[in-house]
PDB file of N, CA and C in Angstrom:
ATOM      1  N   MET A   1       4.087 -18.488 -13.584  1.00  0.00           N
ATOM      2  CA  MET A   1       4.731 -18.567 -12.363  1.00  0.00           C
ATOM      3  C   MET A   1       4.335 -17.308 -11.510  1.00  0.00           C
ATOM      4  N   SER A   2       3.885 -17.483 -10.355  1.00  0.00           N
ATOM      5  CA  SER A   2       3.498 -16.413  -9.406  1.00  0.00           C
ATOM      6  C   SER A   2       4.578 -16.146  -8.426  1.00  0.00           C
ATOM      7  N   THR A   3       4.862 -14.907  -8.170  1.00  0.00           N
ATOM      8  CA  THR A   3       5.918 -14.465  -7.231  1.00  0.00           C
ATOM      9  C   THR A   3       5.182 -13.644  -6.110  1.00  0.00           C
ATOM     10  N   VAL A   4       5.754 -13.883  -4.914  1.00  0.00           N
ATOM     11  CA  VAL A   4       5.343 -13.219  -3.756  1.00  0.00           C
ATOM     12  C   VAL A   4       6.076 -11.817  -3.693  1.00  0.00           C
ATOM     13  N   PRO A   5       5.342 -10.718  -3.601  1.00  0.00           N
ATOM     14  CA  PRO A   5       6.088  -9.462  -3.564  1.00  0.00           C
ATOM     15  C   PRO A   5       6.802  -9.336  -2.155  1.00  0.00           C
ATOM     16  N   THR A   6       7.961  -8.670  -2.358  1.00  0.00           N
ATOM     17  CA  THR A   6       8.750  -8.419  -1.127  1.00  0.00           C
ATOM     18  C   THR A   6       8.067  -7.356  -0.291  1.00  0.00           C
ATOM     19  N   PRO A   7       7.907  -7.513   1.066  1.00  0.00           N
ATOM     20  CA  PRO A   7       7.435  -6.423   1.856  1.00  0.00           C
ATOM     21  C   PRO A   7       8.166  -5.136   1.784  1.00  0.00           C
ATOM     22  N   ILE A   8       7.497  -4.095   1.939  1.00  0.00           N
ATOM     23  CA  ILE A   8       8.164  -2.763   1.860  1.00  0.00           C
ATOM     24  C   ILE A   8       8.849  -2.585   3.260  1.00  0.00           C
ATOM     25  N   PRO A   9      10.104  -2.180   3.260  1.00  0.00           N
ATOM     26  CA  PRO A   9      10.844  -1.962   4.503  1.00  0.00           C
ATOM     27  C   PRO A   9      10.077  -0.983   5.463  1.00  0.00           C
ATOM     28  N   VAL A  10      10.113  -1.289   6.735  1.00  0.00           N
ATOM     29  CA  VAL A  10       9.391  -0.429   7.642  1.00  0.00           C
ATOM     30  C   VAL A  10       9.782   1.061   7.544  1.00  0.00           C
ATOM     31  N   PRO A  11      11.045   1.409   7.368  1.00  0.00           N
ATOM     32  CA  PRO A  11      11.453   2.841   7.275  1.00  0.00           C
ATOM     33  C   PRO A  11      10.721   3.454   6.054  1.00  0.00           C
ATOM     34  N   MET A  12      10.556   2.741   5.003  1.00  0.00           N
ATOM     35  CA  MET A  12       9.966   3.239   3.836  1.00  0.00           C
ATOM     36  C   MET A  12       8.394   3.520   4.061  1.00  0.00           C
ATOM     37  N   ILE A  13       7.830   2.582   4.813  1.00  0.00           N
ATOM     38  CA  ILE A  13       6.400   2.701   5.159  1.00  0.00           C
ATOM     39  C   ILE A  13       6.281   3.902   6.101  1.00  0.00           C
ATOM     40  N   ASP A  14       7.094   4.067   6.947  1.00  0.00           N
ATOM     41  CA  ASP A  14       7.042   5.274   7.869  1.00  0.00           C
ATOM     42  C   ASP A  14       7.156   6.520   7.070  1.00  0.00           C
ATOM     43  N   LYS A  15       8.078   6.575   6.178  1.00  0.00           N
ATOM     44  CA  LYS A  15       8.208   7.800   5.351  1.00  0.00           C
ATOM     45  C   LYS A  15       7.017   8.073   4.521  1.00  0.00           C
ATOM     46  N   LEU A  16       6.436   6.947   3.875  1.00  0.00           N
ATOM     47  CA  LEU A  16       5.212   7.072   3.186  1.00  0.00           C
ATOM     48  C   LEU A  16       4.087   7.656   4.017  1.00  0.00           C
ATOM     49  N   GLN A  17       4.001   7.198   5.360  1.00  0.00           N
ATOM     50  CA  GLN A  17       2.987   7.614   6.274  1.00  0.00           C
ATOM     51  C   GLN A  17       3.139   9.033   6.554  1.00  0.00           C
ATOM     52  N   THR A  18       4.357   9.643   6.540  1.00  0.00           N
ATOM     53  CA  THR A  18       4.532  11.052   6.853  1.00  0.00           C
ATOM     54  C   THR A  18       3.945  11.813   5.695  1.00  0.00           C
ATOM     55  N   PHE A  19       4.083  11.271   4.409  1.00  0.00           N
ATOM     56  CA  PHE A  19       3.462  11.933   3.219  1.00  0.00           C
ATOM     57  C   PHE A  19       1.961  11.877   3.353  1.00  0.00           C
ATOM     58  N   VAL A  20       1.414  10.807   3.759  1.00  0.00           N
ATOM     59  CA  VAL A  20      -0.037  10.681   3.962  1.00  0.00           C
ATOM     60  C   VAL A  20      -0.484  11.695   4.964  1.00  0.00           C
ATOM     61  N   ASP A  21       0.131  11.709   6.117  1.00  0.00           N
ATOM     62  CA  ASP A  21      -0.184  12.660   7.121  1.00  0.00           C
ATOM     63  C   ASP A  21      -0.231  14.080   6.643  1.00  0.00           C
ATOM     64  N   GLU A  22       0.905  14.464   5.920  1.00  0.00           N
ATOM     65  CA  GLU A  22       0.956  15.871   5.325  1.00  0.00           C
ATOM     66  C   GLU A  22      -0.186  16.108   4.358  1.00  0.00           C
ATOM     67  N   TYR A  23      -0.531  15.128   3.553  1.00  0.00           N
ATOM     68  CA  TYR A  23      -1.567  15.189   2.538  1.00  0.00           C
ATOM     69  C   TYR A  23      -2.898  15.532   3.285  1.00  0.00           C
ATOM     70  N   HIS A  24      -3.083  14.789   4.386  1.00  0.00           N
ATOM     71  CA  HIS A  24      -4.425  15.065   5.083  1.00  0.00           C
ATOM     72  C   HIS A  24      -4.443  16.458   5.763  1.00  0.00           C
ATOM     73  N   ARG A  25      -3.234  16.864   6.261  1.00  0.00           N
ATOM     74  CA  ARG A  25      -3.159  18.195   6.818  1.00  0.00           C
ATOM     75  C   ARG A  25      -3.440  19.259   5.735  1.00  0.00           C
ATOM     76  N   LEU A  26      -2.927  19.034   4.572  1.00  0.00           N
ATOM     77  CA  LEU A  26      -3.161  19.995   3.523  1.00  0.00           C
ATOM     78  C   LEU A  26      -4.601  20.044   3.144  1.00  0.00           C
ATOM     79  N   GLN A  27      -5.357  18.886   3.121  1.00  0.00           N
ATOM     80  CA  GLN A  27      -6.728  18.743   2.839  1.00  0.00           C
ATOM     81  C   GLN A  27      -7.478  19.633   3.902  1.00  0.00           C
ATOM     82  N   ASP A  28      -7.052  19.465   5.125  1.00  0.00           N
ATOM     83  CA  ASP A  28      -7.699  20.369   6.203  1.00  0.00           C
ATOM     84  C   ASP A  28      -7.486  21.860   5.946  1.00  0.00           C
ATOM     85  N   GLU A  29      -6.309  22.133   5.569  1.00  0.00           N
ATOM     86  CA  GLU A  29      -6.062  23.623   5.220  1.00  0.00           C
ATOM     87  C   GLU A  29      -6.960  24.078   4.167  1.00  0.00           C
ATOM     88  N   LEU A  30      -7.173  23.248   3.141  1.00  0.00           N
ATOM     89  CA  LEU A  30      -8.110  23.702   2.022  1.00  0.00           C
ATOM     90  C   LEU A  30      -9.448  24.026   2.507  1.00  0.00           C
ATOM     91  N   MET A  31      -9.926  23.376   3.611  1.00  0.00           N
ATOM     92  CA  MET A  31     -11.205  23.651   4.173  1.00  0.00           C
ATOM     93  C   MET A  31     -11.382  24.918   4.946  1.00  0.00           C
ATOM     94  N   ASP A  32     -10.159  25.493   5.220  1.00  0.00           N
ATOM     95  CA  ASP A  32     -10.126  26.797   6.058  1.00  0.00           C
ATOM     96  C   ASP A  32     -10.501  27.968   5.200  1.00  0.00           C
ATOM     97  N   PRO A  33     -11.497  28.695   5.632  1.00  0.00           N
ATOM     98  CA  PRO A  33     -12.014  29.853   4.773  1.00  0.00           C
ATOM     99  C   PRO A  33     -10.887  30.861   4.445  1.00  0.00           C
ATOM    100  N   ARG A  34      -9.852  30.984   5.368  1.00  0.00           N
ATOM    101  CA  ARG A  34      -8.794  31.908   5.151  1.00  0.00           C
ATOM    102  C   ARG A  34      -7.958  31.425   3.888  1.00  0.00           C
ATOM    103  N   THR A  35      -7.767  30.117   3.732  1.00  0.00           N
ATOM    104  CA  THR A  35      -7.036  29.588   2.635  1.00  0.00           C
ATOM    105  C   THR A  35      -7.741  29.779   1.328  1.00  0.00           C
ATOM    106  N   SER A  36      -9.076  29.548   1.363  1.00  0.00           N
ATOM    107  CA  SER A  36      -9.844  29.734   0.067  1.00  0.00           C
ATOM    108  C   SER A  36      -9.806  31.159  -0.528  1.00  0.00           C
ATOM    109  N   SER A  37      -9.554  32.153   0.393  1.00  0.00           N
ATOM    110  CA  SER A  37      -9.516  33.582  -0.077  1.00  0.00           C
ATOM    111  C   SER A  37      -7.990  34.003  -0.371  1.00  0.00           C
ATOM    112  N   ASN A  38      -7.090  33.029  -0.449  1.00  0.00           N
ATOM    113  CA  ASN A  38      -5.704  33.382  -0.644  1.00  0.00           C
ATOM    114  C   ASN A  38      -5.223  32.518  -1.852  1.00  0.00           C
ATOM    115  N   PRO A  39      -5.263  33.150  -2.989  1.00  0.00           N
ATOM    116  CA  PRO A  39      -4.878  32.371  -4.151  1.00  0.00           C
ATOM    117  C   PRO A  39      -3.507  31.829  -4.110  1.00  0.00           C
ATOM    118  N   ALA A  40      -2.544  32.509  -3.598  1.00  0.00           N
ATOM    119  CA  ALA A  40      -1.140  32.029  -3.574  1.00  0.00           C
ATOM    120  C   ALA A  40      -1.068  30.765  -2.662  1.00  0.00           C
ATOM    121  N   GLU A  41      -1.827  30.831  -1.534  1.00  0.00           N
ATOM    122  CA  GLU A  41      -1.773  29.608  -0.653  1.00  0.00           C
ATOM    123  C   GLU A  41      -2.468  28.480  -1.250  1.00  0.00           C
ATOM    124  N   LEU A  42      -3.637  28.689  -1.975  1.00  0.00           N
ATOM    125  CA  LEU A  42      -4.259  27.635  -2.715  1.00  0.00           C
ATOM    126  C   LEU A  42      -3.322  26.995  -3.751  1.00  0.00           C
ATOM    127  N   LYS A  43      -2.543  27.796  -4.470  1.00  0.00           N
ATOM    128  CA  LYS A  43      -1.628  27.311  -5.463  1.00  0.00           C
ATOM    129  C   LYS A  43      -0.565  26.508  -4.758  1.00  0.00           C
ATOM    130  N   ARG A  44      -0.032  26.989  -3.645  1.00  0.00           N
ATOM    131  CA  ARG A  44       1.040  26.239  -2.861  1.00  0.00           C
ATOM    132  C   ARG A  44       0.509  24.857  -2.364  1.00  0.00           C
ATOM    133  N   ILE A  45      -0.646  24.904  -1.850  1.00  0.00           N
ATOM    134  CA  ILE A  45      -1.220  23.652  -1.299  1.00  0.00           C
ATOM    135  C   ILE A  45      -1.519  22.679  -2.375  1.00  0.00           C
ATOM    136  N   GLY A  46      -2.246  23.204  -3.393  1.00  0.00           N
ATOM    137  CA  GLY A  46      -2.526  22.210  -4.567  1.00  0.00           C
ATOM    138  C   GLY A  46      -1.284  21.721  -5.143  1.00  0.00           C
ATOM    139  N   GLY A  47      -0.207  22.468  -5.322  1.00  0.00           N
ATOM    140  CA  GLY A  47       0.985  21.860  -5.897  1.00  0.00           C
ATOM    141  C   GLY A  47       1.607  20.829  -4.999  1.00  0.00           C
ATOM    142  N   ARG A  48       1.659  21.027  -3.687  1.00  0.00           N
ATOM    143  CA  ARG A  48       2.198  20.072  -2.831  1.00  0.00           C
ATOM    144  C   ARG A  48       1.380  18.785  -2.788  1.00  0.00           C
ATOM    145  N   MET A  49       0.077  18.977  -2.772  1.00  0.00           N
ATOM    146  CA  MET A  49      -0.837  17.851  -2.824  1.00  0.00           C
ATOM    147  C   MET A  49      -0.643  17.026  -4.055  1.00  0.00           C
ATOM    148  N   SER A  50      -0.372  17.643  -5.145  1.00  0.00           N
ATOM    149  CA  SER A  50      -0.177  16.960  -6.368  1.00  0.00           C
ATOM    150  C   SER A  50       1.186  16.209  -6.295  1.00  0.00           C
ATOM    151  N   GLU A  51       2.173  16.722  -5.647  1.00  0.00           N
ATOM    152  CA  GLU A  51       3.423  15.963  -5.484  1.00  0.00           C
ATOM    153  C   GLU A  51       3.215  14.812  -4.554  1.00  0.00           C
ATOM    154  N   LEU A  52       2.357  14.857  -3.648  1.00  0.00           N
ATOM    155  CA  LEU A  52       2.198  13.761  -2.677  1.00  0.00           C
ATOM    156  C   LEU A  52       1.223  12.639  -3.085  1.00  0.00           C
ATOM    157  N   GLU A  53       0.456  12.924  -4.169  1.00  0.00           N
ATOM    158  CA  GLU A  53      -0.691  11.989  -4.528  1.00  0.00           C
ATOM    159  C   GLU A  53      -0.111  10.548  -4.871  1.00  0.00           C
ATOM    160  N   ASP A  54       0.964  10.450  -5.568  1.00  0.00           N
ATOM    161  CA  ASP A  54       1.500   9.095  -5.959  1.00  0.00           C
ATOM    162  C   ASP A  54       1.886   8.262  -4.634  1.00  0.00           C
ATOM    163  N   HIS A  55       2.562   9.083  -3.714  1.00  0.00           N
ATOM    164  CA  HIS A  55       3.033   8.431  -2.442  1.00  0.00           C
ATOM    165  C   HIS A  55       1.813   7.970  -1.657  1.00  0.00           C
ATOM    166  N   VAL A  56       0.756   8.799  -1.605  1.00  0.00           N
ATOM    167  CA  VAL A  56      -0.369   8.409  -0.856  1.00  0.00           C
ATOM    168  C   VAL A  56      -1.075   7.189  -1.482  1.00  0.00           C
ATOM    169  N   ALA A  57      -1.184   7.165  -2.821  1.00  0.00           N
ATOM    170  CA  ALA A  57      -1.866   6.076  -3.572  1.00  0.00           C
ATOM    171  C   ALA A  57      -0.984   4.748  -3.235  1.00  0.00           C
ATOM    172  N   LEU A  58       0.334   4.862  -3.242  1.00  0.00           N
ATOM    173  CA  LEU A  58       1.213   3.749  -3.022  1.00  0.00           C
ATOM    174  C   LEU A  58       0.978   3.071  -1.664  1.00  0.00           C
ATOM    175  N   LEU A  59       0.879   3.913  -0.644  1.00  0.00           N
ATOM    176  CA  LEU A  59       0.688   3.370   0.684  1.00  0.00           C
ATOM    177  C   LEU A  59      -0.681   2.786   0.821  1.00  0.00           C
ATOM    178  N   GLU A  60      -1.675   3.515   0.276  1.00  0.00           N
ATOM    179  CA  GLU A  60      -3.026   2.917   0.354  1.00  0.00           C
ATOM    180  C   GLU A  60      -3.121   1.604  -0.368  1.00  0.00           C
ATOM    181  N   GLN A  61      -2.522   1.493  -1.529  1.00  0.00           N
ATOM    182  CA  GLN A  61      -2.506   0.265  -2.244  1.00  0.00           C
ATOM    183  C   GLN A  61      -1.814  -0.887  -1.516  1.00  0.00           C
ATOM    184  N   TYR A  62      -0.663  -0.528  -0.886  1.00  0.00           N
ATOM    185  CA  TYR A  62       0.064  -1.570  -0.098  1.00  0.00           C
ATOM    186  C   TYR A  62      -0.764  -1.972   1.111  1.00  0.00           C
ATOM    187  N   GLN A  63      -1.448  -1.116   1.738  1.00  0.00           N
ATOM    188  CA  GLN A  63      -2.248  -1.368   2.957  1.00  0.00           C
ATOM    189  C   GLN A  63      -3.392  -2.301   2.482  1.00  0.00           C
ATOM    190  N   ARG A  64      -4.071  -1.965   1.358  1.00  0.00           N
ATOM    191  CA  ARG A  64      -5.158  -2.880   0.886  1.00  0.00           C
ATOM    192  C   ARG A  64      -4.590  -4.279   0.537  1.00  0.00           C
ATOM    193  N   PHE A  65      -3.451  -4.385  -0.061  1.00  0.00           N
ATOM    194  CA  PHE A  65      -2.852  -5.647  -0.465  1.00  0.00           C
ATOM    195  C   PHE A  65      -2.524  -6.449   0.848  1.00  0.00           C
ATOM    196  N   THR A  66      -1.950  -5.814   1.786  1.00  0.00           N
ATOM    197  CA  THR A  66      -1.541  -6.616   3.084  1.00  0.00           C
ATOM    198  C   THR A  66      -2.794  -6.959   3.790  1.00  0.00           C
ATOM    199  N   LYS A  67      -3.876  -6.447   3.697  1.00  0.00           N
ATOM    200  CA  LYS A  67      -5.029  -6.864   4.381  1.00  0.00           C
ATOM    201  C   LYS A  67      -5.682  -8.041   3.687  1.00  0.00           C
ATOM    202  N   THR A  68      -5.433  -8.256   2.399  1.00  0.00           N
ATOM    203  CA  THR A  68      -5.988  -9.392   1.654  1.00  0.00           C
ATOM    204  C   THR A  68      -5.195 -10.663   1.761  1.00  0.00           C
ATOM    205  N   ILE A  69      -3.973 -10.520   2.203  1.00  0.00           N
ATOM    206  CA  ILE A  69      -3.139 -11.835   2.321  1.00  0.00           C
ATOM    207  C   ILE A  69      -3.116 -12.351   3.787  1.00  0.00           C
TER     208      ILE A  69
END
């Protein structure tokens, strides 16, 4: 038996999008030469990106799924 997944509520999608936006901002910060010369900042950014990865993957997966239906 196949079940149709319940759509993610809009507020949750909005929250996930804020995580994705933050993740992309952090990626941009990593490209800044000032960041690469600051080990503490690299550690902070890397740690936060690690925390956000699952959220980013979830939204990307949801977006791919909704495009296929």
